[in-house]
Amino acid sequence: MSELPVYMIVNLHVTNAEEYRMYEKGFFPILKKYGGEFITYDDQSHTFEGVGRKGRMIIFSFPSEQKARDWFADPDYQALSKHRRAGTEMQFLTMVHSLPPRS
């Protein structure tokens, strides 16, 4: 498994703001527990080519693939994610690896 940073890219549509707010309130402490960093989100992203996705695009990172996997498997995160599942329609949650350093 890579020790290089990984980026998480999420596309979701909020269907229940109250449920999603409950998720957001607990998200950041668990993210930080695994060294994660929130980068940005956009409710009006623009697709130049391909099939555009509606909803919110979110980008955050972890220092390694293992940290990302540990975050997702964390029982506290899984318990919290029930609010995301109840409050959104998820299109995808994707992990993208960093390029290795060039020699």
PDB file of N, CA and C in Angstrom:
ATOM      1  N   MET A   1       0.833  -1.191   0.000  1.00  0.00           N
ATOM      2  CA  MET A   1       0.000   0.000   0.000  1.00  0.00           C
ATOM      3  C   MET A   1       0.870   1.243   0.000  1.00  0.00           C
ATOM      4  N   SER A   2       0.434   2.237  -0.687  1.00  0.00           N
ATOM      5  CA  SER A   2       1.193   3.466  -0.872  1.00  0.00           C
ATOM      6  C   SER A   2       1.285   4.302   0.406  1.00  0.00           C
ATOM      7  N   GLU A   3       2.470   4.857   0.633  1.00  0.00           N
ATOM      8  CA  GLU A   3       2.652   5.821   1.723  1.00  0.00           C
ATOM      9  C   GLU A   3       2.554   7.252   1.196  1.00  0.00           C
ATOM     10  N   LEU A   4       2.168   7.392  -0.053  1.00  0.00           N
ATOM     11  CA  LEU A   4       1.964   8.711  -0.639  1.00  0.00           C
ATOM     12  C   LEU A   4       0.568   9.205  -0.292  1.00  0.00           C
ATOM     13  N   PRO A   5       0.366  10.525  -0.299  1.00  0.00           N
ATOM     14  CA  PRO A   5      -0.980  11.047  -0.024  1.00  0.00           C
ATOM     15  C   PRO A   5      -2.002  10.519  -1.032  1.00  0.00           C
ATOM     16  N   VAL A   6      -3.234  10.429  -0.559  1.00  0.00           N
ATOM     17  CA  VAL A   6      -4.359  10.080  -1.431  1.00  0.00           C
ATOM     18  C   VAL A   6      -5.417  11.169  -1.289  1.00  0.00           C
ATOM     19  N   TYR A   7      -6.219  11.297  -2.316  1.00  0.00           N
ATOM     20  CA  TYR A   7      -7.282  12.301  -2.351  1.00  0.00           C
ATOM     21  C   TYR A   7      -8.616  11.591  -2.463  1.00  0.00           C
ATOM     22  N   MET A   8      -9.574  12.052  -1.699  1.00  0.00           N
ATOM     23  CA  MET A   8     -10.918  11.509  -1.746  1.00  0.00           C
ATOM     24  C   MET A   8     -11.782  12.507  -2.511  1.00  0.00           C
ATOM     25  N   ILE A   9     -12.497  12.012  -3.498  1.00  0.00           N
ATOM     26  CA  ILE A   9     -13.389  12.847  -4.293  1.00  0.00           C
ATOM     27  C   ILE A   9     -14.794  12.279  -4.135  1.00  0.00           C
ATOM     28  N   VAL A  10     -15.702  13.150  -3.761  1.00  0.00           N
ATOM     29  CA  VAL A  10     -17.068  12.745  -3.440  1.00  0.00           C
ATOM     30  C   VAL A  10     -18.036  13.553  -4.288  1.00  0.00           C
ATOM     31  N   ASN A  11     -19.073  12.904  -4.764  1.00  0.00           N
ATOM     32  CA  ASN A  11     -20.177  13.596  -5.415  1.00  0.00           C
ATOM     33  C   ASN A  11     -21.459  13.113  -4.759  1.00  0.00           C
ATOM     34  N   LEU A  12     -22.204  14.058  -4.201  1.00  0.00           N
ATOM     35  CA  LEU A  12     -23.462  13.712  -3.560  1.00  0.00           C
ATOM     36  C   LEU A  12     -24.459  14.847  -3.729  1.00  0.00           C
ATOM     37  N   HIS A  13     -25.706  14.504  -3.553  1.00  0.00           N
ATOM     38  CA  HIS A  13     -26.786  15.472  -3.617  1.00  0.00           C
ATOM     39  C   HIS A  13     -27.495  15.437  -2.271  1.00  0.00           C
ATOM     40  N   VAL A  14     -27.549  16.585  -1.582  1.00  0.00           N
ATOM     41  CA  VAL A  14     -28.187  16.661  -0.274  1.00  0.00           C
ATOM     42  C   VAL A  14     -29.703  16.626  -0.463  1.00  0.00           C
ATOM     43  N   THR A  15     -30.341  15.639   0.170  1.00  0.00           N
ATOM     44  CA  THR A  15     -31.794  15.485   0.083  1.00  0.00           C
ATOM     45  C   THR A  15     -32.484  15.806   1.405  1.00  0.00           C
ATOM     46  N   ASN A  16     -31.722  15.775   2.501  1.00  0.00           N
ATOM     47  CA  ASN A  16     -32.257  16.085   3.820  1.00  0.00           C
ATOM     48  C   ASN A  16     -31.178  16.869   4.562  1.00  0.00           C
ATOM     49  N   ALA A  17     -31.328  18.199   4.577  1.00  0.00           N
ATOM     50  CA  ALA A  17     -30.291  19.072   5.140  1.00  0.00           C
ATOM     51  C   ALA A  17     -30.055  18.809   6.621  1.00  0.00           C
ATOM     52  N   GLU A  18     -31.086  18.488   7.370  1.00  0.00           N
ATOM     53  CA  GLU A  18     -30.937  18.250   8.807  1.00  0.00           C
ATOM     54  C   GLU A  18     -30.066  17.013   9.064  1.00  0.00           C
ATOM     55  N   GLU A  19     -30.334  15.931   8.355  1.00  0.00           N
ATOM     56  CA  GLU A  19     -29.506  14.714   8.497  1.00  0.00           C
ATOM     57  C   GLU A  19     -28.066  14.992   8.077  1.00  0.00           C
ATOM     58  N   TYR A  20     -27.908  15.713   6.967  1.00  0.00           N
ATOM     59  CA  TYR A  20     -26.560  15.981   6.476  1.00  0.00           C
ATOM     60  C   TYR A  20     -25.791  16.877   7.445  1.00  0.00           C
ATOM     61  N   ARG A  21     -26.450  17.852   8.081  1.00  0.00           N
ATOM     62  CA  ARG A  21     -25.785  18.698   9.079  1.00  0.00           C
ATOM     63  C   ARG A  21     -25.286  17.868  10.255  1.00  0.00           C
ATOM     64  N   MET A  22     -26.044  16.871  10.658  1.00  0.00           N
ATOM     65  CA  MET A  22     -25.599  15.988  11.741  1.00  0.00           C
ATOM     66  C   MET A  22     -24.320  15.260  11.326  1.00  0.00           C
ATOM     67  N   TYR A  23     -24.252  14.850  10.072  1.00  0.00           N
ATOM     68  CA  TYR A  23     -23.054  14.202   9.545  1.00  0.00           C
ATOM     69  C   TYR A  23     -21.877  15.177   9.537  1.00  0.00           C
ATOM     70  N   GLU A  24     -22.097  16.375   9.021  1.00  0.00           N
ATOM     71  CA  GLU A  24     -21.020  17.365   8.939  1.00  0.00           C
ATOM     72  C   GLU A  24     -20.438  17.691  10.307  1.00  0.00           C
ATOM     73  N   LYS A  25     -21.289  17.790  11.320  1.00  0.00           N
ATOM     74  CA  LYS A  25     -20.821  18.143  12.667  1.00  0.00           C
ATOM     75  C   LYS A  25     -19.825  17.122  13.214  1.00  0.00           C
ATOM     76  N   GLY A  26     -20.012  15.871  12.909  1.00  0.00           N
ATOM     77  CA  GLY A  26     -19.113  14.840  13.413  1.00  0.00           C
ATOM     78  C   GLY A  26     -17.985  14.466  12.478  1.00  0.00           C
ATOM     79  N   PHE A  27     -18.051  14.931  11.240  1.00  0.00           N
ATOM     80  CA  PHE A  27     -17.088  14.519  10.209  1.00  0.00           C
ATOM     81  C   PHE A  27     -15.671  14.985  10.490  1.00  0.00           C
ATOM     82  N   PHE A  28     -15.496  16.256  10.817  1.00  0.00           N
ATOM     83  CA  PHE A  28     -14.157  16.829  10.898  1.00  0.00           C
ATOM     84  C   PHE A  28     -13.289  16.245  12.007  1.00  0.00           C
ATOM     85  N   PRO A  29     -13.808  15.989  13.211  1.00  0.00           N
ATOM     86  CA  PRO A  29     -12.951  15.359  14.224  1.00  0.00           C
ATOM     87  C   PRO A  29     -12.445  13.972  13.804  1.00  0.00           C
ATOM     88  N   ILE A  30     -13.285  13.202  13.124  1.00  0.00           N
ATOM     89  CA  ILE A  30     -12.857  11.869  12.684  1.00  0.00           C
ATOM     90  C   ILE A  30     -11.863  12.000  11.535  1.00  0.00           C
ATOM     91  N   LEU A  31     -12.074  12.940  10.643  1.00  0.00           N
ATOM     92  CA  LEU A  31     -11.129  13.197   9.557  1.00  0.00           C
ATOM     93  C   LEU A  31      -9.748  13.516  10.128  1.00  0.00           C
ATOM     94  N   LYS A  32      -9.695  14.419  11.099  1.00  0.00           N
ATOM     95  CA  LYS A  32      -8.420  14.837  11.696  1.00  0.00           C
ATOM     96  C   LYS A  32      -7.748  13.694  12.452  1.00  0.00           C
ATOM     97  N   LYS A  33      -8.539  12.799  13.037  1.00  0.00           N
ATOM     98  CA  LYS A  33      -7.999  11.643  13.768  1.00  0.00           C
ATOM     99  C   LYS A  33      -7.065  10.814  12.886  1.00  0.00           C
ATOM    100  N   TYR A  34      -7.322  10.804  11.588  1.00  0.00           N
ATOM    101  CA  TYR A  34      -6.522  10.025  10.643  1.00  0.00           C
ATOM    102  C   TYR A  34      -5.595  10.893   9.790  1.00  0.00           C
ATOM    103  N   GLY A  35      -5.368  12.117  10.238  1.00  0.00           N
ATOM    104  CA  GLY A  35      -4.470  13.012   9.506  1.00  0.00           C
ATOM    105  C   GLY A  35      -5.082  13.586   8.254  1.00  0.00           C
ATOM    106  N   GLY A  36      -6.388  13.466   8.104  1.00  0.00           N
ATOM    107  CA  GLY A  36      -7.061  13.966   6.911  1.00  0.00           C
ATOM    108  C   GLY A  36      -7.159  15.480   6.896  1.00  0.00           C
ATOM    109  N   GLU A  37      -7.210  16.020   5.704  1.00  0.00           N
ATOM    110  CA  GLU A  37      -7.359  17.460   5.510  1.00  0.00           C
ATOM    111  C   GLU A  37      -8.472  17.732   4.512  1.00  0.00           C
ATOM    112  N   PHE A  38      -9.378  18.624   4.898  1.00  0.00           N
ATOM    113  CA  PHE A  38     -10.441  19.064   4.002  1.00  0.00           C
ATOM    114  C   PHE A  38      -9.827  20.048   3.017  1.00  0.00           C
ATOM    115  N   ILE A  39     -10.096  19.888   1.733  1.00  0.00           N
ATOM    116  CA  ILE A  39      -9.536  20.784   0.714  1.00  0.00           C
ATOM    117  C   ILE A  39     -10.592  21.763   0.230  1.00  0.00           C
ATOM    118  N   THR A  40     -11.705  21.276  -0.296  1.00  0.00           N
ATOM    119  CA  THR A  40     -12.736  22.182  -0.798  1.00  0.00           C
ATOM    120  C   THR A  40     -14.025  21.429  -1.094  1.00  0.00           C
ATOM    121  N   TYR A  41     -15.068  22.197  -1.352  1.00  0.00           N
ATOM    122  CA  TYR A  41     -16.308  21.638  -1.887  1.00  0.00           C
ATOM    123  C   TYR A  41     -16.886  22.664  -2.845  1.00  0.00           C
ATOM    124  N   ASP A  42     -17.757  22.204  -3.724  1.00  0.00           N
ATOM    125  CA  ASP A  42     -18.369  23.091  -4.709  1.00  0.00           C
ATOM    126  C   ASP A  42     -19.763  22.568  -5.029  1.00  0.00           C
ATOM    127  N   ASP A  43     -20.754  23.434  -4.871  1.00  0.00           N
ATOM    128  CA  ASP A  43     -22.124  23.063  -5.211  1.00  0.00           C
ATOM    129  C   ASP A  43     -22.462  23.393  -6.664  1.00  0.00           C
ATOM    130  N   GLN A  44     -21.520  24.031  -7.382  1.00  0.00           N
ATOM    131  CA  GLN A  44     -21.781  24.407  -8.773  1.00  0.00           C
ATOM    132  C   GLN A  44     -20.567  24.103  -9.644  1.00  0.00           C
ATOM    133  N   SER A  45     -20.060  22.868  -9.555  1.00  0.00           N
ATOM    134  CA  SER A  45     -18.899  22.507 -10.371  1.00  0.00           C
ATOM    135  C   SER A  45     -19.292  22.511 -11.849  1.00  0.00           C
ATOM    136  N   HIS A  46     -18.299  22.606 -12.700  1.00  0.00           N
ATOM    137  CA  HIS A  46     -18.535  22.679 -14.144  1.00  0.00           C
ATOM    138  C   HIS A  46     -17.805  21.533 -14.834  1.00  0.00           C
ATOM    139  N   THR A  47     -18.510  20.791 -15.656  1.00  0.00           N
ATOM    140  CA  THR A  47     -17.919  19.698 -16.427  1.00  0.00           C
ATOM    141  C   THR A  47     -17.701  20.184 -17.854  1.00  0.00           C
ATOM    142  N   PHE A  48     -16.450  20.168 -18.295  1.00  0.00           N
ATOM    143  CA  PHE A  48     -16.133  20.602 -19.655  1.00  0.00           C
ATOM    144  C   PHE A  48     -16.411  19.513 -20.683  1.00  0.00           C
ATOM    145  N   GLU A  49     -16.189  18.277 -20.319  1.00  0.00           N
ATOM    146  CA  GLU A  49     -16.457  17.160 -21.219  1.00  0.00           C
ATOM    147  C   GLU A  49     -16.997  15.997 -20.403  1.00  0.00           C
ATOM    148  N   GLY A  50     -17.691  15.101 -21.062  1.00  0.00           N
ATOM    149  CA  GLY A  50     -18.231  13.930 -20.374  1.00  0.00           C
ATOM    150  C   GLY A  50     -19.575  14.224 -19.733  1.00  0.00           C
ATOM    151  N   VAL A  51     -20.023  13.289 -18.926  1.00  0.00           N
ATOM    152  CA  VAL A  51     -21.316  13.401 -18.270  1.00  0.00           C
ATOM    153  C   VAL A  51     -21.157  14.215 -16.990  1.00  0.00           C
ATOM    154  N   GLY A  52     -21.832  15.338 -16.925  1.00  0.00           N
ATOM    155  CA  GLY A  52     -21.766  16.179 -15.736  1.00  0.00           C
ATOM    156  C   GLY A  52     -22.489  15.540 -14.564  1.00  0.00           C
ATOM    157  N   ARG A  53     -22.041  15.857 -13.385  1.00  0.00           N
ATOM    158  CA  ARG A  53     -22.657  15.355 -12.158  1.00  0.00           C
ATOM    159  C   ARG A  53     -23.316  16.506 -11.432  1.00  0.00           C
ATOM    160  N   LYS A  54     -24.544  16.322 -11.024  1.00  0.00           N
ATOM    161  CA  LYS A  54     -25.222  17.341 -10.241  1.00  0.00           C
ATOM    162  C   LYS A  54     -24.901  17.122  -8.777  1.00  0.00           C
ATOM    163  N   GLY A  55     -25.063  18.164  -7.990  1.00  0.00           N
ATOM    164  CA  GLY A  55     -24.842  18.038  -6.559  1.00  0.00           C
ATOM    165  C   GLY A  55     -23.504  18.585  -6.133  1.00  0.00           C
ATOM    166  N   ARG A  56     -23.123  18.231  -4.948  1.00  0.00           N
ATOM    167  CA  ARG A  56     -21.914  18.750  -4.307  1.00  0.00           C
ATOM    168  C   ARG A  56     -20.719  17.860  -4.617  1.00  0.00           C
ATOM    169  N   MET A  57     -19.629  18.494  -5.020  1.00  0.00           N
ATOM    170  CA  MET A  57     -18.347  17.820  -5.179  1.00  0.00           C
ATOM    171  C   MET A  57     -17.499  18.213  -3.968  1.00  0.00           C
ATOM    172  N   ILE A  58     -16.857  17.230  -3.353  1.00  0.00           N
ATOM    173  CA  ILE A  58     -16.058  17.446  -2.153  1.00  0.00           C
ATOM    174  C   ILE A  58     -14.698  16.794  -2.374  1.00  0.00           C
ATOM    175  N   ILE A  59     -13.634  17.485  -1.942  1.00  0.00           N
ATOM    176  CA  ILE A  59     -12.281  16.928  -2.048  1.00  0.00           C
ATOM    177  C   ILE A  59     -11.608  17.053  -0.684  1.00  0.00           C
ATOM    178  N   PHE A  60     -11.060  15.929  -0.200  1.00  0.00           N
ATOM    179  CA  PHE A  60     -10.237  15.957   1.003  1.00  0.00           C
ATOM    180  C   PHE A  60      -9.124  14.942   0.824  1.00  0.00           C
ATOM    181  N   SER A  61      -8.143  14.954   1.725  1.00  0.00           N
ATOM    182  CA  SER A  61      -6.972  14.100   1.529  1.00  0.00           C
ATOM    183  C   SER A  61      -6.571  13.409   2.822  1.00  0.00           C
ATOM    184  N   PHE A  62      -5.757  12.367   2.657  1.00  0.00           N
ATOM    185  CA  PHE A  62      -5.130  11.652   3.769  1.00  0.00           C
ATOM    186  C   PHE A  62      -3.653  11.481   3.443  1.00  0.00           C
ATOM    187  N   PRO A  63      -2.820  11.336   4.459  1.00  0.00           N
ATOM    188  CA  PRO A  63      -1.382  11.204   4.208  1.00  0.00           C
ATOM    189  C   PRO A  63      -0.985   9.878   3.563  1.00  0.00           C
ATOM    190  N   SER A  64      -1.876   8.881   3.589  1.00  0.00           N
ATOM    191  CA  SER A  64      -1.565   7.591   2.968  1.00  0.00           C
ATOM    192  C   SER A  64      -2.866   6.841   2.677  1.00  0.00           C
ATOM    193  N   GLU A  65      -2.746   5.836   1.834  1.00  0.00           N
ATOM    194  CA  GLU A  65      -3.905   4.993   1.526  1.00  0.00           C
ATOM    195  C   GLU A  65      -4.393   4.287   2.791  1.00  0.00           C
ATOM    196  N   GLN A  66      -3.449   3.810   3.623  1.00  0.00           N
ATOM    197  CA  GLN A  66      -3.849   3.103   4.838  1.00  0.00           C
ATOM    198  C   GLN A  66      -4.649   3.998   5.768  1.00  0.00           C
ATOM    199  N   LYS A  67      -4.249   5.261   5.902  1.00  0.00           N
ATOM    200  CA  LYS A  67      -5.002   6.193   6.752  1.00  0.00           C
ATOM    201  C   LYS A  67      -6.418   6.373   6.204  1.00  0.00           C
ATOM    202  N   ALA A  68      -6.558   6.457   4.895  1.00  0.00           N
ATOM    203  CA  ALA A  68      -7.884   6.602   4.285  1.00  0.00           C
ATOM    204  C   ALA A  68      -8.738   5.365   4.551  1.00  0.00           C
ATOM    205  N   ARG A  69      -8.147   4.207   4.405  1.00  0.00           N
ATOM    206  CA  ARG A  69      -8.886   2.966   4.639  1.00  0.00           C
ATOM    207  C   ARG A  69      -9.277   2.836   6.117  1.00  0.00           C
ATOM    208  N   ASP A  70      -8.358   3.237   7.006  1.00  0.00           N
ATOM    209  CA  ASP A  70      -8.647   3.184   8.445  1.00  0.00           C
ATOM    210  C   ASP A  70      -9.775   4.149   8.797  1.00  0.00           C
ATOM    211  N   TRP A  71      -9.761   5.344   8.193  1.00  0.00           N
ATOM    212  CA  TRP A  71     -10.830   6.321   8.417  1.00  0.00           C
ATOM    213  C   TRP A  71     -12.179   5.738   8.015  1.00  0.00           C
ATOM    214  N   PHE A  72     -12.235   5.163   6.822  1.00  0.00           N
ATOM    215  CA  PHE A  72     -13.509   4.649   6.327  1.00  0.00           C
ATOM    216  C   PHE A  72     -14.007   3.482   7.174  1.00  0.00           C
ATOM    217  N   ALA A  73     -13.095   2.669   7.691  1.00  0.00           N
ATOM    218  CA  ALA A  73     -13.471   1.496   8.489  1.00  0.00           C
ATOM    219  C   ALA A  73     -13.727   1.830   9.959  1.00  0.00           C
ATOM    220  N   ASP A  74     -13.388   3.036  10.383  1.00  0.00           N
ATOM    221  CA  ASP A  74     -13.545   3.419  11.787  1.00  0.00           C
ATOM    222  C   ASP A  74     -15.008   3.240  12.216  1.00  0.00           C
ATOM    223  N   PRO A  75     -15.256   2.528  13.309  1.00  0.00           N
ATOM    224  CA  PRO A  75     -16.646   2.323  13.753  1.00  0.00           C
ATOM    225  C   PRO A  75     -17.387   3.633  14.035  1.00  0.00           C
ATOM    226  N   ASP A  76     -16.682   4.637  14.553  1.00  0.00           N
ATOM    227  CA  ASP A  76     -17.329   5.935  14.792  1.00  0.00           C
ATOM    228  C   ASP A  76     -17.730   6.591  13.472  1.00  0.00           C
ATOM    229  N   TYR A  77     -16.870   6.472  12.456  1.00  0.00           N
ATOM    230  CA  TYR A  77     -17.228   7.035  11.156  1.00  0.00           C
ATOM    231  C   TYR A  77     -18.409   6.284  10.550  1.00  0.00           C
ATOM    232  N   GLN A  78     -18.381   4.964  10.628  1.00  0.00           N
ATOM    233  CA  GLN A  78     -19.482   4.186  10.058  1.00  0.00           C
ATOM    234  C   GLN A  78     -20.801   4.509  10.750  1.00  0.00           C
ATOM    235  N   ALA A  79     -20.757   4.711  12.073  1.00  0.00           N
ATOM    236  CA  ALA A  79     -21.980   5.095  12.798  1.00  0.00           C
ATOM    237  C   ALA A  79     -22.449   6.473  12.350  1.00  0.00           C
ATOM    238  N   LEU A  80     -21.508   7.406  12.181  1.00  0.00           N
ATOM    239  CA  LEU A  80     -21.845   8.756  11.739  1.00  0.00           C
ATOM    240  C   LEU A  80     -22.384   8.765  10.313  1.00  0.00           C
ATOM    241  N   SER A  81     -21.832   7.917   9.471  1.00  0.00           N
ATOM    242  CA  SER A  81     -22.194   7.942   8.052  1.00  0.00           C
ATOM    243  C   SER A  81     -23.653   7.565   7.806  1.00  0.00           C
ATOM    244  N   LYS A  82     -24.324   7.003   8.808  1.00  0.00           N
ATOM    245  CA  LYS A  82     -25.758   6.719   8.625  1.00  0.00           C
ATOM    246  C   LYS A  82     -26.521   8.017   8.355  1.00  0.00           C
ATOM    247  N   HIS A  83     -26.040   9.144   8.908  1.00  0.00           N
ATOM    248  CA  HIS A  83     -26.680  10.441   8.660  1.00  0.00           C
ATOM    249  C   HIS A  83     -26.433  10.898   7.220  1.00  0.00           C
ATOM    250  N   ARG A  84     -25.226  10.633   6.700  1.00  0.00           N
ATOM    251  CA  ARG A  84     -24.947  10.976   5.296  1.00  0.00           C
ATOM    252  C   ARG A  84     -25.818  10.129   4.381  1.00  0.00           C
ATOM    253  N   ARG A  85     -25.909   8.867   4.695  1.00  0.00           N
ATOM    254  CA  ARG A  85     -26.719   7.978   3.855  1.00  0.00           C
ATOM    255  C   ARG A  85     -28.196   8.359   3.895  1.00  0.00           C
ATOM    256  N   ALA A  86     -28.675   8.804   5.059  1.00  0.00           N
ATOM    257  CA  ALA A  86     -30.079   9.205   5.201  1.00  0.00           C
ATOM    258  C   ALA A  86     -30.349  10.579   4.595  1.00  0.00           C
ATOM    259  N   GLY A  87     -29.309  11.415   4.480  1.00  0.00           N
ATOM    260  CA  GLY A  87     -29.510  12.788   4.045  1.00  0.00           C
ATOM    261  C   GLY A  87     -29.014  13.125   2.659  1.00  0.00           C
ATOM    262  N   THR A  88     -28.470  12.129   1.945  1.00  0.00           N
ATOM    263  CA  THR A  88     -27.933  12.415   0.613  1.00  0.00           C
ATOM    264  C   THR A  88     -28.190  11.259  -0.339  1.00  0.00           C
ATOM    265  N   GLU A  89     -28.052  11.572  -1.614  1.00  0.00           N
ATOM    266  CA  GLU A  89     -27.945  10.552  -2.657  1.00  0.00           C
ATOM    267  C   GLU A  89     -26.496  10.600  -3.107  1.00  0.00           C
ATOM    268  N   MET A  90     -25.740   9.566  -2.789  1.00  0.00           N
ATOM    269  CA  MET A  90     -24.311   9.507  -3.111  1.00  0.00           C
ATOM    270  C   MET A  90     -24.121   8.987  -4.527  1.00  0.00           C
ATOM    271  N   GLN A  91     -23.374   9.722  -5.327  1.00  0.00           N
ATOM    272  CA  GLN A  91     -22.997   9.234  -6.651  1.00  0.00           C
ATOM    273  C   GLN A  91     -21.713   8.409  -6.544  1.00  0.00           C
ATOM    274  N   PHE A  92     -20.716   8.961  -5.839  1.00  0.00           N
ATOM    275  CA  PHE A  92     -19.474   8.211  -5.642  1.00  0.00           C
ATOM    276  C   PHE A  92     -18.634   8.819  -4.522  1.00  0.00           C
ATOM    277  N   LEU A  93     -17.793   7.955  -3.958  1.00  0.00           N
ATOM    278  CA  LEU A  93     -16.733   8.312  -3.013  1.00  0.00           C
ATOM    279  C   LEU A  93     -15.522   7.566  -3.539  1.00  0.00           C
ATOM    280  N   THR A  94     -14.585   8.303  -4.125  1.00  0.00           N
ATOM    281  CA  THR A  94     -13.480   7.700  -4.857  1.00  0.00           C
ATOM    282  C   THR A  94     -12.150   8.111  -4.250  1.00  0.00           C
ATOM    283  N   MET A  95     -11.208   7.158  -4.166  1.00  0.00           N
ATOM    284  CA  MET A  95      -9.856   7.457  -3.700  1.00  0.00           C
ATOM    285  C   MET A  95      -8.937   7.558  -4.920  1.00  0.00           C
ATOM    286  N   VAL A  96      -8.161   8.637  -4.975  1.00  0.00           N
ATOM    287  CA  VAL A  96      -7.214   8.869  -6.067  1.00  0.00           C
ATOM    288  C   VAL A  96      -5.820   8.955  -5.457  1.00  0.00           C
ATOM    289  N   HIS A  97      -4.898   8.175  -5.997  1.00  0.00           N
ATOM    290  CA  HIS A  97      -3.531   8.144  -5.461  1.00  0.00           C
ATOM    291  C   HIS A  97      -2.679   9.279  -6.026  1.00  0.00           C
ATOM    292  N   SER A  98      -1.740   9.752  -5.213  1.00  0.00           N
ATOM    293  CA  SER A  98      -0.748  10.732  -5.678  1.00  0.00           C
ATOM    294  C   SER A  98       0.243  10.049  -6.600  1.00  0.00           C
ATOM    295  N   LEU A  99       0.849  10.838  -7.444  1.00  0.00           N
ATOM    296  CA  LEU A  99       1.933  10.311  -8.275  1.00  0.00           C
ATOM    297  C   LEU A  99       3.182  10.125  -7.422  1.00  0.00           C
ATOM    298  N   PRO A 100       3.949   9.060  -7.660  1.00  0.00           N
ATOM    299  CA  PRO A 100       5.202   8.907  -6.927  1.00  0.00           C
ATOM    300  C   PRO A 100       6.188   9.994  -7.354  1.00  0.00           C
ATOM    301  N   PRO A 101       7.111  10.347  -6.463  1.00  0.00           N
ATOM    302  CA  PRO A 101       8.094  11.379  -6.838  1.00  0.00           C
ATOM    303  C   PRO A 101       8.918  10.920  -8.051  1.00  0.00           C
ATOM    304  N   ARG A 102       9.266  11.886  -8.881  1.00  0.00           N
ATOM    305  CA  ARG A 102      10.116  11.588 -10.054  1.00  0.00           C
ATOM    306  C   ARG A 102      11.572  11.586  -9.623  1.00  0.00           C
ATOM    307  N   SER A 103      12.352  10.680 -10.201  1.00  0.00           N
ATOM    308  CA  SER A 103      13.775  10.648  -9.842  1.00  0.00           C
ATOM    309  C   SER A 103      14.600  11.481 -10.782  1.00  0.00           C
TER     310      SER A 103
END
